[in-house]
Amino acid sequence: MNVRKPASYVVVTGAGSGLGQALVEALHRQRVPLVAFSRGTPVGKDKPVGDRPGDVPLRRECGNLADMATVSPVLERLVTEWGPPALVVHNAAVLHYRGPLWQEPEGSVRETLLVNLVAPMLWVSRLVPSMLQAGRGGHLFLSSSVGRQPRADWGTYAVSKRALEAFSDNLALELPEPLFCLTLNPGPVATETRRKAYPEEDPSSPRPASVAAGIVSGFLPVLLGPEARQFNGKKLDLEKIKDMH
């Protein structure tokens, strides 16, 4: 299905489940043009919201976001057809292990760093040049409390999130106006990752993904507006952005 090129759009990674999926659904309801990137099979690719001509598109892509041999052609095609995104929400992450760093299996270490850190860095390298040419665009990196404050027994997950914070700090110093980047700690959210991290926790205790996504989606229009650069290099959390829209 051919869909009219949107004036601007948002990319969300990790859109197949959890907060990413909930965020796509929330932005979909707000009629924000979207590209939802996930590992699963894309359903309804280039599907508009509604049935009328010119309705807001929801485009779905799939693949291993750290496999740039596969992802680079997808991003190149996307930029060619739609231009660079106005905002990329780097939400995709994995948590395979809780325990001492020296006991973490090698496979867990490698995949965690690839998905949580290397992939966002490589996506930035592929997308920033077109953003520079267009004179707009931003990156929102989903972080974690263990990326802000060291905590024992969080393995490579904590290391990857701490490194992601550092990457955003450095990137913010290098991006010229009006481009920007920032990190956001969503706090406790009822997702599969949260259940892995806290298997004994009451599942009704953390904030539902739909509620967290509603807060984030309410803030995103600020990042799509002319004042987005003021957030360059910022480290935000969910509670702070509730009143920013």
C-alpha atoms as a PDB file:
ATOM      1  CA  MET A   1       0.000   0.000   0.000  1.00  0.00           C
ATOM      2  CA  ASN A   2       1.421   3.389  -0.993  1.00  0.00           C
ATOM      3  CA  VAL A   3       1.050   6.023   1.698  1.00  0.00           C
ATOM      4  CA  ARG A   4       1.654   9.722   1.230  1.00  0.00           C
ATOM      5  CA  LYS A   5       5.016  10.895   2.584  1.00  0.00           C
ATOM      6  CA  PRO A   6       4.462  12.464   6.027  1.00  0.00           C
ATOM      7  CA  ALA A   7       5.800  15.925   6.806  1.00  0.00           C
ATOM      8  CA  SER A   8       7.515  14.439   9.862  1.00  0.00           C
ATOM      9  CA  TYR A   9       7.459  11.139  11.683  1.00  0.00           C
ATOM     10  CA  VAL A  10       8.712   9.268  14.754  1.00  0.00           C
ATOM     11  CA  VAL A  11      10.659   5.988  14.840  1.00  0.00           C
ATOM     12  CA  VAL A  12      10.190   3.694  17.856  1.00  0.00           C
ATOM     13  CA  THR A  13      12.480   0.689  18.340  1.00  0.00           C
ATOM     14  CA  GLY A  14      11.501  -2.299  20.438  1.00  0.00           C
ATOM     15  CA  ALA A  15       7.920  -1.797  19.295  1.00  0.00           C
ATOM     16  CA  GLY A  16       6.905  -5.444  19.467  1.00  0.00           C
ATOM     17  CA  SER A  17       6.181  -5.571  23.195  1.00  0.00           C
ATOM     18  CA  GLY A  18       6.257  -3.726  26.492  1.00  0.00           C
ATOM     19  CA  LEU A  19       6.688   0.031  26.647  1.00  0.00           C
ATOM     20  CA  GLY A  20       7.607   0.285  22.953  1.00  0.00           C
ATOM     21  CA  GLN A  21       4.394  -1.389  21.846  1.00  0.00           C
ATOM     22  CA  ALA A  22       2.341   0.702  24.265  1.00  0.00           C
ATOM     23  CA  LEU A  23       4.033   3.874  23.027  1.00  0.00           C
ATOM     24  CA  VAL A  24       3.277   3.046  19.405  1.00  0.00           C
ATOM     25  CA  GLU A  25      -0.368   2.471  20.321  1.00  0.00           C
ATOM     26  CA  ALA A  26      -0.534   5.769  22.231  1.00  0.00           C
ATOM     27  CA  LEU A  27       1.069   7.770  19.416  1.00  0.00           C
ATOM     28  CA  HIS A  28      -1.109   5.950  16.881  1.00  0.00           C
ATOM     29  CA  ARG A  29      -4.179   7.249  18.731  1.00  0.00           C
ATOM     30  CA  GLN A  30      -2.675  10.742  18.660  1.00  0.00           C
ATOM     31  CA  ARG A  31      -2.349  10.409  14.882  1.00  0.00           C
ATOM     32  CA  VAL A  32       1.444  10.782  14.879  1.00  0.00           C
ATOM     33  CA  PRO A  33       3.083   9.327  11.732  1.00  0.00           C
ATOM     34  CA  LEU A  34       5.163   6.369  12.896  1.00  0.00           C
ATOM     35  CA  VAL A  35       7.710   3.752  11.996  1.00  0.00           C
ATOM     36  CA  ALA A  36       7.505   0.886  14.490  1.00  0.00           C
ATOM     37  CA  PHE A  37      10.648  -1.269  14.470  1.00  0.00           C
ATOM     38  CA  SER A  38      10.538  -4.695  16.125  1.00  0.00           C
ATOM     39  CA  ARG A  39      11.987  -8.179  15.854  1.00  0.00           C
ATOM     40  CA  GLY A  40       8.672  -9.786  14.950  1.00  0.00           C
ATOM     41  CA  THR A  41       6.905 -10.110  11.602  1.00  0.00           C
ATOM     42  CA  PRO A  42       5.658  -6.731  10.362  1.00  0.00           C
ATOM     43  CA  VAL A  43       1.873  -6.670  10.135  1.00  0.00           C
ATOM     44  CA  GLY A  44       0.076  -3.953   8.230  1.00  0.00           C
ATOM     45  CA  LYS A  45       3.243  -2.407   6.830  1.00  0.00           C
ATOM     46  CA  ASP A  46       2.616   1.118   5.486  1.00  0.00           C
ATOM     47  CA  LYS A  47      -0.876   0.917   6.961  1.00  0.00           C
ATOM     48  CA  PRO A  48      -2.628   4.284   7.394  1.00  0.00           C
ATOM     49  CA  VAL A  49      -4.640   5.122  10.505  1.00  0.00           C
ATOM     50  CA  GLY A  50      -8.217   4.909   9.296  1.00  0.00           C
ATOM     51  CA  ASP A  51      -9.529   4.279   5.813  1.00  0.00           C
ATOM     52  CA  ARG A  52      -9.627   7.744   4.272  1.00  0.00           C
ATOM     53  CA  PRO A  53      -6.996   8.810   1.703  1.00  0.00           C
ATOM     54  CA  GLY A  54      -4.217  10.813   3.299  1.00  0.00           C
ATOM     55  CA  ASP A  55      -4.700   9.383   6.780  1.00  0.00           C
ATOM     56  CA  VAL A  56      -1.712   9.191   9.113  1.00  0.00           C
ATOM     57  CA  PRO A  57       0.635   6.297   8.242  1.00  0.00           C
ATOM     58  CA  LEU A  58       1.900   3.592  10.547  1.00  0.00           C
ATOM     59  CA  ARG A  59       4.822   1.827   8.924  1.00  0.00           C
ATOM     60  CA  ARG A  60       6.217  -1.382  10.414  1.00  0.00           C
ATOM     61  CA  GLU A  61       9.720  -2.758   9.944  1.00  0.00           C
ATOM     62  CA  CYS A  62      11.350  -5.788  11.529  1.00  0.00           C
ATOM     63  CA  GLY A  63      14.757  -7.339  12.085  1.00  0.00           C
ATOM     64  CA  ASN A  64      17.653  -7.484  14.497  1.00  0.00           C
ATOM     65  CA  LEU A  65      18.311  -3.790  15.068  1.00  0.00           C
ATOM     66  CA  ALA A  66      21.999  -4.517  15.844  1.00  0.00           C
ATOM     67  CA  ASP A  67      22.536  -6.301  12.518  1.00  0.00           C
ATOM     68  CA  MET A  68      23.471  -3.305  10.401  1.00  0.00           C
ATOM     69  CA  ALA A  69      23.867  -5.431   7.260  1.00  0.00           C
ATOM     70  CA  THR A  70      20.088  -5.834   7.453  1.00  0.00           C
ATOM     71  CA  VAL A  71      19.133  -2.562   9.106  1.00  0.00           C
ATOM     72  CA  SER A  72      21.186  -0.118   7.016  1.00  0.00           C
ATOM     73  CA  PRO A  73      19.257  -0.786   3.767  1.00  0.00           C
ATOM     74  CA  VAL A  74      15.987  -0.399   5.704  1.00  0.00           C
ATOM     75  CA  LEU A  75      17.072   2.969   7.101  1.00  0.00           C
ATOM     76  CA  GLU A  76      18.403   4.099   3.713  1.00  0.00           C
ATOM     77  CA  ARG A  77      15.105   3.218   2.055  1.00  0.00           C
ATOM     78  CA  LEU A  78      13.171   4.955   4.814  1.00  0.00           C
ATOM     79  CA  VAL A  79      15.186   8.172   4.494  1.00  0.00           C
ATOM     80  CA  THR A  80      14.892   8.073   0.703  1.00  0.00           C
ATOM     81  CA  GLU A  81      11.115   7.620   0.792  1.00  0.00           C
ATOM     82  CA  TRP A  82      10.160   9.697   3.844  1.00  0.00           C
ATOM     83  CA  GLY A  83      13.214  11.791   4.674  1.00  0.00           C
ATOM     84  CA  PRO A  84      14.975  11.618   8.068  1.00  0.00           C
ATOM     85  CA  PRO A  85      12.804  11.085  11.157  1.00  0.00           C
ATOM     86  CA  ALA A  86      11.952  14.025  13.371  1.00  0.00           C
ATOM     87  CA  LEU A  87      12.615  11.845  16.406  1.00  0.00           C
ATOM     88  CA  VAL A  88      13.998   8.367  17.099  1.00  0.00           C
ATOM     89  CA  VAL A  89      12.919   6.746  20.363  1.00  0.00           C
ATOM     90  CA  HIS A  90      15.653   4.210  21.141  1.00  0.00           C
ATOM     91  CA  ASN A  91      13.548   1.967  23.368  1.00  0.00           C
ATOM     92  CA  ALA A  92      14.730  -1.553  22.457  1.00  0.00           C
ATOM     93  CA  ALA A  93      16.723  -3.281  25.212  1.00  0.00           C
ATOM     94  CA  VAL A  94      17.364  -6.713  26.674  1.00  0.00           C
ATOM     95  CA  LEU A  95      17.985  -7.932  30.222  1.00  0.00           C
ATOM     96  CA  HIS A  96      19.302 -11.498  30.324  1.00  0.00           C
ATOM     97  CA  TYR A  97      21.149 -11.658  33.632  1.00  0.00           C
ATOM     98  CA  ARG A  98      21.088 -10.551  37.266  1.00  0.00           C
ATOM     99  CA  GLY A  99      24.159 -11.318  39.370  1.00  0.00           C
ATOM    100  CA  PRO A 100      27.913 -10.674  39.741  1.00  0.00           C
ATOM    101  CA  LEU A 101      29.566  -9.325  36.602  1.00  0.00           C
ATOM    102  CA  TRP A 102      32.236 -12.030  36.560  1.00  0.00           C
ATOM    103  CA  GLN A 103      29.607 -14.789  36.428  1.00  0.00           C
ATOM    104  CA  GLU A 104      27.599 -13.471  33.490  1.00  0.00           C
ATOM    105  CA  PRO A 105      27.674 -15.804  30.457  1.00  0.00           C
ATOM    106  CA  GLU A 106      29.571 -14.515  27.443  1.00  0.00           C
ATOM    107  CA  GLY A 107      26.525 -14.710  25.185  1.00  0.00           C
ATOM    108  CA  SER A 108      24.549 -12.516  27.559  1.00  0.00           C
ATOM    109  CA  VAL A 109      27.344  -9.948  27.728  1.00  0.00           C
ATOM    110  CA  ARG A 110      27.663  -9.733  23.953  1.00  0.00           C
ATOM    111  CA  GLU A 111      23.956  -9.494  23.109  1.00  0.00           C
ATOM    112  CA  THR A 112      23.213  -7.025  25.899  1.00  0.00           C
ATOM    113  CA  LEU A 113      25.923  -4.649  24.727  1.00  0.00           C
ATOM    114  CA  LEU A 114      24.916  -5.072  21.092  1.00  0.00           C
ATOM    115  CA  VAL A 115      21.233  -4.334  21.589  1.00  0.00           C
ATOM    116  CA  ASN A 116      21.383  -1.797  24.411  1.00  0.00           C
ATOM    117  CA  LEU A 117      24.426   0.226  23.372  1.00  0.00           C
ATOM    118  CA  VAL A 118      26.002  -0.631  20.024  1.00  0.00           C
ATOM    119  CA  ALA A 119      22.734  -0.589  18.074  1.00  0.00           C
ATOM    120  CA  PRO A 120      21.713   2.935  19.195  1.00  0.00           C
ATOM    121  CA  MET A 121      25.220   4.194  18.419  1.00  0.00           C
ATOM    122  CA  LEU A 122      25.138   2.698  14.934  1.00  0.00           C
ATOM    123  CA  TRP A 123      21.616   3.965  14.267  1.00  0.00           C
ATOM    124  CA  VAL A 124      22.817   7.453  15.168  1.00  0.00           C
ATOM    125  CA  SER A 125      25.724   7.106  12.742  1.00  0.00           C
ATOM    126  CA  ARG A 126      23.308   6.136   9.954  1.00  0.00           C
ATOM    127  CA  LEU A 127      20.659   8.801  10.645  1.00  0.00           C
ATOM    128  CA  VAL A 128      22.452  11.931  11.844  1.00  0.00           C
ATOM    129  CA  PRO A 129      23.972  12.785   8.425  1.00  0.00           C
ATOM    130  CA  SER A 130      20.503  13.024   6.847  1.00  0.00           C
ATOM    131  CA  MET A 131      19.238  14.949   9.889  1.00  0.00           C
ATOM    132  CA  LEU A 132      22.094  17.426   9.464  1.00  0.00           C
ATOM    133  CA  GLN A 133      21.187  17.866   5.821  1.00  0.00           C
ATOM    134  CA  ALA A 134      17.520  18.408   6.685  1.00  0.00           C
ATOM    135  CA  GLY A 135      18.342  20.703   9.586  1.00  0.00           C
ATOM    136  CA  ARG A 136      16.190  18.855  12.123  1.00  0.00           C
ATOM    137  CA  GLY A 137      15.929  15.659  14.143  1.00  0.00           C
ATOM    138  CA  GLY A 138      16.474  14.227  17.601  1.00  0.00           C
ATOM    139  CA  HIS A 139      17.242  11.064  19.555  1.00  0.00           C
ATOM    140  CA  LEU A 140      15.542   9.997  22.777  1.00  0.00           C
ATOM    141  CA  PHE A 141      17.395   7.183  24.554  1.00  0.00           C
ATOM    142  CA  LEU A 142      15.418   5.133  27.063  1.00  0.00           C
ATOM    143  CA  SER A 143      17.700   4.622  30.046  1.00  0.00           C
ATOM    144  CA  SER A 144      17.255   3.135  33.513  1.00  0.00           C
ATOM    145  CA  SER A 145      17.807   3.997  37.155  1.00  0.00           C
ATOM    146  CA  VAL A 146      20.714   1.512  37.158  1.00  0.00           C
ATOM    147  CA  GLY A 147      22.264   3.548  34.353  1.00  0.00           C
ATOM    148  CA  ARG A 148      22.120   6.679  36.481  1.00  0.00           C
ATOM    149  CA  GLN A 149      23.286   5.188  39.784  1.00  0.00           C
ATOM    150  CA  PRO A 150      25.522   2.083  40.126  1.00  0.00           C
ATOM    151  CA  ARG A 151      23.787  -0.910  41.678  1.00  0.00           C
ATOM    152  CA  ALA A 152      25.174  -4.372  42.385  1.00  0.00           C
ATOM    153  CA  ASP A 153      24.054  -7.515  40.565  1.00  0.00           C
ATOM    154  CA  TRP A 154      22.630  -5.907  37.434  1.00  0.00           C
ATOM    155  CA  GLY A 155      25.326  -7.283  35.150  1.00  0.00           C
ATOM    156  CA  THR A 156      25.956  -5.931  31.680  1.00  0.00           C
ATOM    157  CA  TYR A 157      22.489  -4.376  31.581  1.00  0.00           C
ATOM    158  CA  ALA A 158      23.583  -1.724  34.093  1.00  0.00           C
ATOM    159  CA  VAL A 159      26.891  -1.230  32.273  1.00  0.00           C
ATOM    160  CA  SER A 160      25.099  -0.793  28.945  1.00  0.00           C
ATOM    161  CA  LYS A 161      22.672   1.783  30.327  1.00  0.00           C
ATOM    162  CA  ARG A 162      25.479   3.711  32.051  1.00  0.00           C
ATOM    163  CA  ALA A 163      27.372   3.725  28.764  1.00  0.00           C
ATOM    164  CA  LEU A 164      24.246   4.854  26.909  1.00  0.00           C
ATOM    165  CA  GLU A 165      24.035   7.842  29.253  1.00  0.00           C
ATOM    166  CA  ALA A 166      27.678   8.653  28.477  1.00  0.00           C
ATOM    167  CA  PHE A 167      27.050   8.304  24.749  1.00  0.00           C
ATOM    168  CA  SER A 168      24.142  10.748  24.941  1.00  0.00           C
ATOM    169  CA  ASP A 169      26.289  13.190  26.958  1.00  0.00           C
ATOM    170  CA  ASN A 170      29.003  13.193  24.304  1.00  0.00           C
ATOM    171  CA  LEU A 171      26.598  13.247  21.380  1.00  0.00           C
ATOM    172  CA  ALA A 172      24.831  16.282  22.860  1.00  0.00           C
ATOM    173  CA  LEU A 173      28.136  18.182  22.811  1.00  0.00           C
ATOM    174  CA  GLU A 174      28.646  17.413  19.133  1.00  0.00           C
ATOM    175  CA  LEU A 175      25.181  17.897  17.625  1.00  0.00           C
ATOM    176  CA  PRO A 176      24.725  21.363  16.120  1.00  0.00           C
ATOM    177  CA  GLU A 177      21.490  23.277  16.591  1.00  0.00           C
ATOM    178  CA  PRO A 178      18.668  22.438  16.163  1.00  0.00           C
ATOM    179  CA  LEU A 179      19.506  18.716  16.476  1.00  0.00           C
ATOM    180  CA  PHE A 180      19.330  17.231  19.958  1.00  0.00           C
ATOM    181  CA  CYS A 181      19.520  14.116  22.083  1.00  0.00           C
ATOM    182  CA  LEU A 182      18.568  13.225  25.654  1.00  0.00           C
ATOM    183  CA  THR A 183      17.927  10.287  27.950  1.00  0.00           C
ATOM    184  CA  LEU A 184      14.732   9.346  29.762  1.00  0.00           C
ATOM    185  CA  ASN A 185      14.441   6.992  32.719  1.00  0.00           C
ATOM    186  CA  PRO A 186      10.885   5.566  32.638  1.00  0.00           C
ATOM    187  CA  GLY A 187      11.174   4.162  36.161  1.00  0.00           C
ATOM    188  CA  PRO A 188       9.284   1.023  37.250  1.00  0.00           C
ATOM    189  CA  VAL A 189       7.041  -0.184  34.399  1.00  0.00           C
ATOM    190  CA  ALA A 190       5.179  -3.486  34.273  1.00  0.00           C
ATOM    191  CA  THR A 191       6.956  -5.176  31.364  1.00  0.00           C
ATOM    192  CA  GLU A 192       8.528  -8.571  30.715  1.00  0.00           C
ATOM    193  CA  THR A 193      11.945  -7.033  31.402  1.00  0.00           C
ATOM    194  CA  ARG A 194      10.709  -5.828  34.772  1.00  0.00           C
ATOM    195  CA  ARG A 195       9.343  -9.285  35.583  1.00  0.00           C
ATOM    196  CA  LYS A 196      12.742 -10.801  34.783  1.00  0.00           C
ATOM    197  CA  ALA A 197      14.479  -8.277  37.006  1.00  0.00           C
ATOM    198  CA  TYR A 198      12.070  -8.684  39.923  1.00  0.00           C
ATOM    199  CA  PRO A 199      10.423 -12.123  39.694  1.00  0.00           C
ATOM    200  CA  GLU A 200       9.082 -11.887  43.271  1.00  0.00           C
ATOM    201  CA  GLU A 201       7.486  -8.471  42.781  1.00  0.00           C
ATOM    202  CA  ASP A 202       3.712  -8.058  42.757  1.00  0.00           C
ATOM    203  CA  PRO A 203       2.993  -7.499  39.014  1.00  0.00           C
ATOM    204  CA  SER A 204       0.318  -4.944  39.871  1.00  0.00           C
ATOM    205  CA  SER A 205       2.851  -2.776  41.728  1.00  0.00           C
ATOM    206  CA  PRO A 206       4.811  -1.147  38.851  1.00  0.00           C
ATOM    207  CA  ARG A 207       3.144   1.405  36.591  1.00  0.00           C
ATOM    208  CA  PRO A 208       1.349  -0.293  33.644  1.00  0.00           C
ATOM    209  CA  ALA A 209       3.088   0.136  30.289  1.00  0.00           C
ATOM    210  CA  SER A 210       0.009   1.891  28.890  1.00  0.00           C
ATOM    211  CA  VAL A 211       0.168   4.519  31.658  1.00  0.00           C
ATOM    212  CA  ALA A 212       3.894   5.120  31.171  1.00  0.00           C
ATOM    213  CA  ALA A 213       3.388   5.325  27.404  1.00  0.00           C
ATOM    214  CA  GLY A 214       0.622   7.872  27.910  1.00  0.00           C
ATOM    215  CA  ILE A 215       2.997  10.119  29.839  1.00  0.00           C
ATOM    216  CA  VAL A 216       5.778   9.749  27.274  1.00  0.00           C
ATOM    217  CA  SER A 217       3.442  10.273  24.309  1.00  0.00           C
ATOM    218  CA  GLY A 218       2.092  13.411  25.967  1.00  0.00           C
ATOM    219  CA  PHE A 219       5.625  14.792  26.177  1.00  0.00           C
ATOM    220  CA  LEU A 220       6.776  13.857  22.666  1.00  0.00           C
ATOM    221  CA  PRO A 221       4.997  16.772  20.937  1.00  0.00           C
ATOM    222  CA  VAL A 222       7.387  19.040  22.872  1.00  0.00           C
ATOM    223  CA  LEU A 223      10.298  17.174  21.290  1.00  0.00           C
ATOM    224  CA  LEU A 224       8.678  17.548  17.883  1.00  0.00           C
ATOM    225  CA  GLY A 225       8.305  21.295  18.277  1.00  0.00           C
ATOM    226  CA  PRO A 226      10.616  24.272  17.734  1.00  0.00           C
ATOM    227  CA  GLU A 227      11.836  24.312  21.355  1.00  0.00           C
ATOM    228  CA  ALA A 228      13.179  20.739  21.416  1.00  0.00           C
ATOM    229  CA  ARG A 229      16.820  21.868  21.451  1.00  0.00           C
ATOM    230  CA  GLN A 230      16.425  23.075  25.051  1.00  0.00           C
ATOM    231  CA  PHE A 231      16.408  19.410  26.094  1.00  0.00           C
ATOM    232  CA  ASN A 232      19.711  18.612  24.402  1.00  0.00           C
ATOM    233  CA  GLY A 233      21.892  16.669  26.837  1.00  0.00           C
ATOM    234  CA  LYS A 234      19.183  16.450  29.500  1.00  0.00           C
ATOM    235  CA  LYS A 235      18.581  13.448  31.747  1.00  0.00           C
ATOM    236  CA  LEU A 236      14.863  13.249  32.409  1.00  0.00           C
ATOM    237  CA  ASP A 237      12.608  10.833  34.199  1.00  0.00           C
ATOM    238  CA  LEU A 238       8.901  10.082  33.885  1.00  0.00           C
ATOM    239  CA  GLU A 239       7.845  12.128  36.891  1.00  0.00           C
ATOM    240  CA  LYS A 240       9.585  15.256  35.556  1.00  0.00           C
ATOM    241  CA  ILE A 241       7.899  15.195  32.160  1.00  0.00           C
ATOM    242  CA  LYS A 242       4.317  14.836  33.420  1.00  0.00           C
ATOM    243  CA  ASP A 243       3.840  18.591  33.471  1.00  0.00           C
ATOM    244  CA  MET A 244       5.943  19.432  30.409  1.00  0.00           C
ATOM    245  CA  HIS A 245       3.067  19.245  27.927  1.00  0.00           C
END
